[in-house]
């Protein structure tokens, strides 16, 4: 069964304390691509605005990809979901990095994970139904590709997160699988072999659901099949306060468990 996944995750901690998250994902099953975009804006008062839309086809071009209603380029993303639209420009503060390539290999199949933009200054606009919000803050982007079968993901546990302060940024990852484990931490341009998150406090849950129920997975009947084959994976995502080298910081992190 030919199968592959490609996914991008982008976020921005905005100056007003809010968090903007974009996820773009495409599944290819038997050579047929199905993709979706989801956007969520977590305002400082705890309210949430969400939007999602079909990607149509991801079409590669000279500077990145185009999709239905938007573009994803090296340092820019533009999108339109109806409830939420916008454009963000990233000014990277550090070069891209990977903990190792591939992150995990199972026979001839593999999983790759790269931080295209570990930390960046971000500017742009977020268009809501009732107003336009100026976006200024610190952003991040990573990219996952995999052709590992869903059945081979059973028993996995992923812990991932990132945090940013005025002067510092860090990201951490731990992936435990029956086939092996990998972990690492990126901090201000350097990497280490252990998963070391900063001290976290005042956590707030912003997602607690089966992956098949998330907006980015609204890809038709195939989502139920893929979720069942993978053991109905569950995601819990949090916003938290943190401390980096004595500076107050903000963090987003998650735990994903495959049955």
Protein backbone atom coordinates (compact mmCIF):
# COMPACT_ATOMS: atom_id res chain seq x y z
CA UNK A 1 0.00 0.00 0.00
CA UNK A 2 1.87 3.12 -1.14
CA UNK A 3 1.51 5.67 1.65
CA UNK A 4 3.18 8.92 2.67
CA UNK A 5 2.62 11.97 4.85
CA UNK A 6 3.96 15.51 4.52
CA UNK A 7 3.18 18.10 7.17
CA UNK A 8 4.23 21.62 8.16
CA UNK A 9 3.66 23.21 11.56
CA UNK A 10 4.05 26.97 12.04
CA UNK A 11 3.38 29.12 15.07
CA UNK A 12 3.91 32.65 16.32
CA UNK A 13 3.85 33.97 19.87
CA UNK A 14 2.48 37.46 19.36
CA UNK A 15 3.49 40.54 21.34
CA UNK A 16 0.05 40.77 22.96
CA UNK A 17 0.42 37.31 24.50
CA UNK A 18 -1.66 35.40 21.95
CA UNK A 19 -0.54 32.33 19.99
CA UNK A 20 -1.22 31.71 16.30
CA UNK A 21 -0.84 28.13 14.99
CA UNK A 22 -1.02 26.88 11.39
CA UNK A 23 -0.86 23.25 10.30
CA UNK A 24 -0.70 22.08 6.70
CA UNK A 25 -0.80 18.38 5.99
CA UNK A 26 -1.06 16.12 2.95
CA UNK A 27 -1.62 12.37 2.96
CA UNK A 28 -0.95 10.31 -0.16
CA UNK A 29 -2.71 6.97 -0.27
CA UNK A 30 -2.29 4.82 -3.38
CA UNK A 31 -0.86 7.89 -5.09
CA UNK A 32 -3.90 10.08 -4.40
CA UNK A 33 -3.13 13.29 -2.42
CA UNK A 34 -5.56 14.64 0.18
CA UNK A 35 -4.56 17.73 2.15
CA UNK A 36 -5.91 20.23 4.64
CA UNK A 37 -4.97 23.48 6.35
CA UNK A 38 -6.01 24.38 9.89
CA UNK A 39 -5.49 27.68 11.74
CA UNK A 40 -6.12 28.53 15.38
CA UNK A 41 -5.64 31.83 17.19
CA UNK A 42 -5.50 31.65 20.97
CA UNK A 43 -6.20 35.15 22.27
CA UNK A 44 -4.79 36.48 25.57
CA UNK A 45 -8.22 36.19 27.24
CA UNK A 46 -8.34 32.45 26.52
CA UNK A 47 -10.82 32.66 23.65
CA UNK A 48 -10.06 30.76 20.43
CA UNK A 49 -10.80 31.42 16.76
CA UNK A 50 -10.43 28.50 14.37
CA UNK A 51 -10.56 27.91 10.65
CA UNK A 52 -9.78 25.06 8.27
CA UNK A 53 -9.94 24.43 4.54
CA UNK A 54 -8.94 21.94 1.90
CA UNK A 55 -5.47 22.47 0.44
CA UNK A 56 -6.57 21.28 -2.95
CA UNK A 57 -3.25 20.27 -4.47
CA UNK A 58 0.17 21.26 -3.12
CA UNK A 59 1.91 22.53 -6.24
CA UNK A 60 5.69 22.98 -6.01
CA UNK A 61 7.16 26.13 -7.52
CA UNK A 62 10.38 28.11 -7.67
CA UNK A 63 9.97 29.54 -4.15
CA UNK A 64 7.87 26.94 -2.35
CA UNK A 65 4.33 25.63 -2.75
CA UNK A 66 0.99 27.01 -3.80
CA UNK A 67 -2.28 25.57 -2.61
CA UNK A 68 -5.94 26.48 -2.75
CA UNK A 69 -6.16 29.99 -1.33
CA UNK A 70 -2.53 30.43 -0.36
CA UNK A 71 1.23 29.98 -0.66
CA UNK A 72 3.93 28.45 1.52
CA UNK A 73 7.39 29.82 0.75
CA UNK A 74 10.73 29.66 2.52
CA UNK A 75 10.02 32.67 4.75
CA UNK A 76 6.38 33.50 4.00
CA UNK A 77 2.95 31.94 4.31
CA UNK A 78 -0.36 33.29 3.06
CA UNK A 79 -3.69 31.54 3.59
CA UNK A 80 -7.47 31.90 3.52
CA UNK A 81 -9.88 29.60 5.36
CA UNK A 82 -12.97 31.80 5.48
CA UNK A 83 -13.08 32.44 9.25
CA UNK A 84 -9.35 33.19 9.40
CA UNK A 85 -7.03 34.53 6.71
CA UNK A 86 -3.67 36.21 6.81
CA UNK A 87 -0.07 36.51 5.79
CA UNK A 88 3.10 36.09 7.84
CA UNK A 89 6.70 36.93 6.96
CA UNK A 90 9.47 35.19 8.92
CA UNK A 91 12.92 36.67 9.47
CA UNK A 92 14.94 33.67 10.73
CA UNK A 93 17.33 34.27 13.60
CA UNK A 94 19.09 30.91 13.10
CA UNK A 95 19.66 28.48 10.21
CA UNK A 96 17.55 25.31 9.71
CA UNK A 97 18.52 22.18 11.63
CA UNK A 98 17.71 18.49 12.11
CA UNK A 99 18.53 16.33 15.09
CA UNK A 100 19.46 13.59 12.64
CA UNK A 101 18.45 12.49 9.15
CA UNK A 102 16.28 10.54 9.01
CA UNK A 103 14.87 10.90 12.48
CA UNK A 104 13.70 7.26 12.45
CA UNK A 105 14.12 4.39 10.02
CA UNK A 106 12.09 1.15 9.93
CA UNK A 107 13.43 -1.13 7.23
CA UNK A 108 13.26 0.79 3.97
CA UNK A 109 10.78 3.31 5.38
CA UNK A 110 11.63 6.45 7.29
CA UNK A 111 10.47 9.54 9.17
CA UNK A 112 12.20 12.89 8.70
CA UNK A 113 11.74 15.95 10.93
CA UNK A 114 13.45 19.29 10.33
CA UNK A 115 13.11 22.69 11.91
CA UNK A 116 13.04 24.88 8.80
CA UNK A 117 12.89 27.96 11.06
CA UNK A 118 13.84 27.25 14.69
CA UNK A 119 13.25 30.88 15.71
CA UNK A 120 12.27 34.01 13.79
CA UNK A 121 10.98 37.52 14.06
CA UNK A 122 7.51 37.50 12.48
CA UNK A 123 5.40 40.29 11.05
CA UNK A 124 2.11 40.12 9.22
CA UNK A 125 -1.65 40.37 9.45
CA UNK A 126 -4.44 38.15 10.71
CA UNK A 127 -7.85 38.80 9.15
CA UNK A 128 -10.88 37.96 11.27
CA UNK A 129 -14.54 38.43 10.39
CA UNK A 130 -14.75 41.63 12.39
CA UNK A 131 -11.26 43.14 12.27
CA UNK A 132 -7.63 42.90 11.15
CA UNK A 133 -5.00 42.09 13.79
CA UNK A 134 -1.39 43.14 13.25
CA UNK A 135 0.95 40.20 13.91
CA UNK A 136 4.32 40.91 15.50
CA UNK A 137 6.18 38.30 17.48
CA UNK A 138 8.47 35.30 17.43
CA UNK A 139 7.78 32.34 15.20
CA UNK A 140 8.79 28.79 14.39
CA UNK A 141 8.28 26.29 11.56
CA UNK A 142 9.00 22.58 11.19
CA UNK A 143 8.48 20.02 8.44
CA UNK A 144 7.72 16.30 8.68
CA UNK A 145 7.82 13.72 5.90
CA UNK A 146 7.20 10.00 6.40
CA UNK A 147 6.36 6.90 4.43
CA UNK A 148 6.07 4.65 7.50
CA UNK A 149 2.81 2.69 7.51
CA UNK A 150 0.22 3.68 10.14
CA UNK A 151 0.31 0.16 11.60
CA UNK A 152 4.05 0.64 12.30
CA UNK A 153 3.24 3.70 14.47
CA UNK A 154 1.39 1.72 17.14
CA UNK A 155 3.01 2.11 20.53
CA UNK A 156 4.72 5.44 19.68
CA UNK A 157 4.88 8.37 22.07
CA UNK A 158 5.98 11.84 20.95
CA UNK A 159 6.84 14.71 23.29
CA UNK A 160 7.62 17.98 21.56
CA UNK A 161 7.71 21.61 22.53
CA UNK A 162 9.29 24.99 22.05
CA UNK A 163 9.76 28.10 24.18
CA UNK A 164 10.87 31.65 23.50
CA UNK A 165 11.92 34.62 25.62
CA UNK A 166 13.17 38.05 24.67
CA UNK A 167 16.75 36.82 24.07
CA UNK A 168 16.51 33.03 23.82
CA UNK A 169 14.68 30.20 22.10
CA UNK A 170 14.63 26.43 22.51
CA UNK A 171 12.86 23.39 21.08
CA UNK A 172 12.88 19.81 22.33
CA UNK A 173 11.73 16.41 21.09
CA UNK A 174 11.49 12.86 22.38
CA UNK A 175 10.12 10.05 20.22
CA UNK A 176 9.79 6.59 21.79
CA UNK A 177 8.83 3.68 19.55
CA UNK A 178 9.00 -0.14 19.71
CA UNK A 179 11.68 0.14 16.99
CA UNK A 180 13.88 2.59 18.92
CA UNK A 181 13.99 6.04 20.48
CA UNK A 182 15.43 9.40 19.56
CA UNK A 183 15.67 12.62 21.54
CA UNK A 184 17.31 16.01 21.37
CA UNK A 185 17.17 19.68 22.24
CA UNK A 186 17.93 22.78 20.19
CA UNK A 187 18.91 25.91 22.12
CA UNK A 188 19.99 29.23 20.59
CA UNK A 189 21.60 27.55 17.58
CA UNK A 190 23.17 24.55 19.33
CA UNK A 191 21.89 20.99 19.71
CA UNK A 192 22.24 18.30 22.33
CA UNK A 193 21.35 14.58 22.48
CA UNK A 194 18.87 14.78 25.38
CA UNK A 195 15.30 16.07 25.53
CA UNK A 196 15.54 18.91 28.06
CA UNK A 197 12.52 21.22 28.25
CA UNK A 198 12.83 24.36 30.38
CA UNK A 199 10.90 24.70 33.64
CA UNK A 200 7.20 25.01 32.73
CA UNK A 201 4.32 26.33 34.82
CA UNK A 202 0.74 27.62 34.53
CA UNK A 203 -0.07 25.12 31.80
CA UNK A 204 -3.32 25.49 29.88
CA UNK A 205 -4.71 22.72 27.66
CA UNK A 206 -5.52 23.93 24.14
CA UNK A 207 -6.07 20.53 22.49
CA UNK A 208 -7.12 17.16 23.89
CA UNK A 209 -8.50 14.95 21.15
CA UNK A 210 -7.94 12.02 18.87
CA UNK A 211 -5.87 13.08 15.85
CA UNK A 212 -8.69 11.96 13.58
CA UNK A 213 -10.95 14.62 15.14
CA UNK A 214 -8.56 17.55 14.62
CA UNK A 215 -9.47 20.02 11.83
CA UNK A 216 -6.26 19.27 9.91
CA UNK A 217 -7.41 15.65 9.60
CA UNK A 218 -10.79 16.40 8.02
CA UNK A 219 -9.79 14.59 4.85
CA UNK A 220 -12.84 12.41 4.34
CA UNK A 221 -13.51 8.75 5.19
CA UNK A 222 -9.82 7.84 4.88
CA UNK A 223 -9.08 9.59 8.20
CA UNK A 224 -11.04 6.97 10.18
CA UNK A 225 -9.21 4.17 8.41
CA UNK A 226 -5.77 5.67 9.01
CA UNK A 227 -6.57 6.40 12.65
CA UNK A 228 -7.76 2.85 13.25
CA UNK A 229 -4.65 1.38 11.63
CA UNK A 230 -2.45 3.61 13.84
CA UNK A 231 -4.28 2.74 17.05
CA UNK A 232 -6.35 5.94 17.32
CA UNK A 233 -3.55 8.36 18.32
CA UNK A 234 -4.37 11.00 20.93
CA UNK A 235 -2.90 14.51 21.07
CA UNK A 236 -2.70 16.80 24.10
CA UNK A 237 -1.29 20.29 23.49
CA UNK A 238 -0.55 22.97 26.07
CA UNK A 239 0.38 26.64 26.37
CA UNK A 240 2.60 27.38 29.37
CA UNK A 241 4.82 29.93 31.00
CA UNK A 242 8.53 29.10 31.11
CA UNK A 243 11.93 30.46 32.10
CA UNK A 244 14.99 30.63 29.81
CA UNK A 245 18.25 31.75 31.40
CA UNK A 246 16.33 33.73 34.00
CA UNK A 247 14.09 35.43 31.43
CA UNK A 248 10.31 34.95 31.41
CA UNK A 249 9.29 32.88 28.40
CA UNK A 250 6.24 31.41 26.70
CA UNK A 251 5.99 27.80 25.59
CA UNK A 252 3.79 25.50 23.55
CA UNK A 253 4.23 21.75 23.88
CA UNK A 254 2.39 18.51 23.20
CA UNK A 255 2.18 14.79 23.88
CA UNK A 256 0.96 12.44 21.15
CA UNK A 257 0.35 8.76 21.93
CA UNK A 258 -0.45 6.04 19.44
CA UNK A 259 -2.43 3.06 20.77
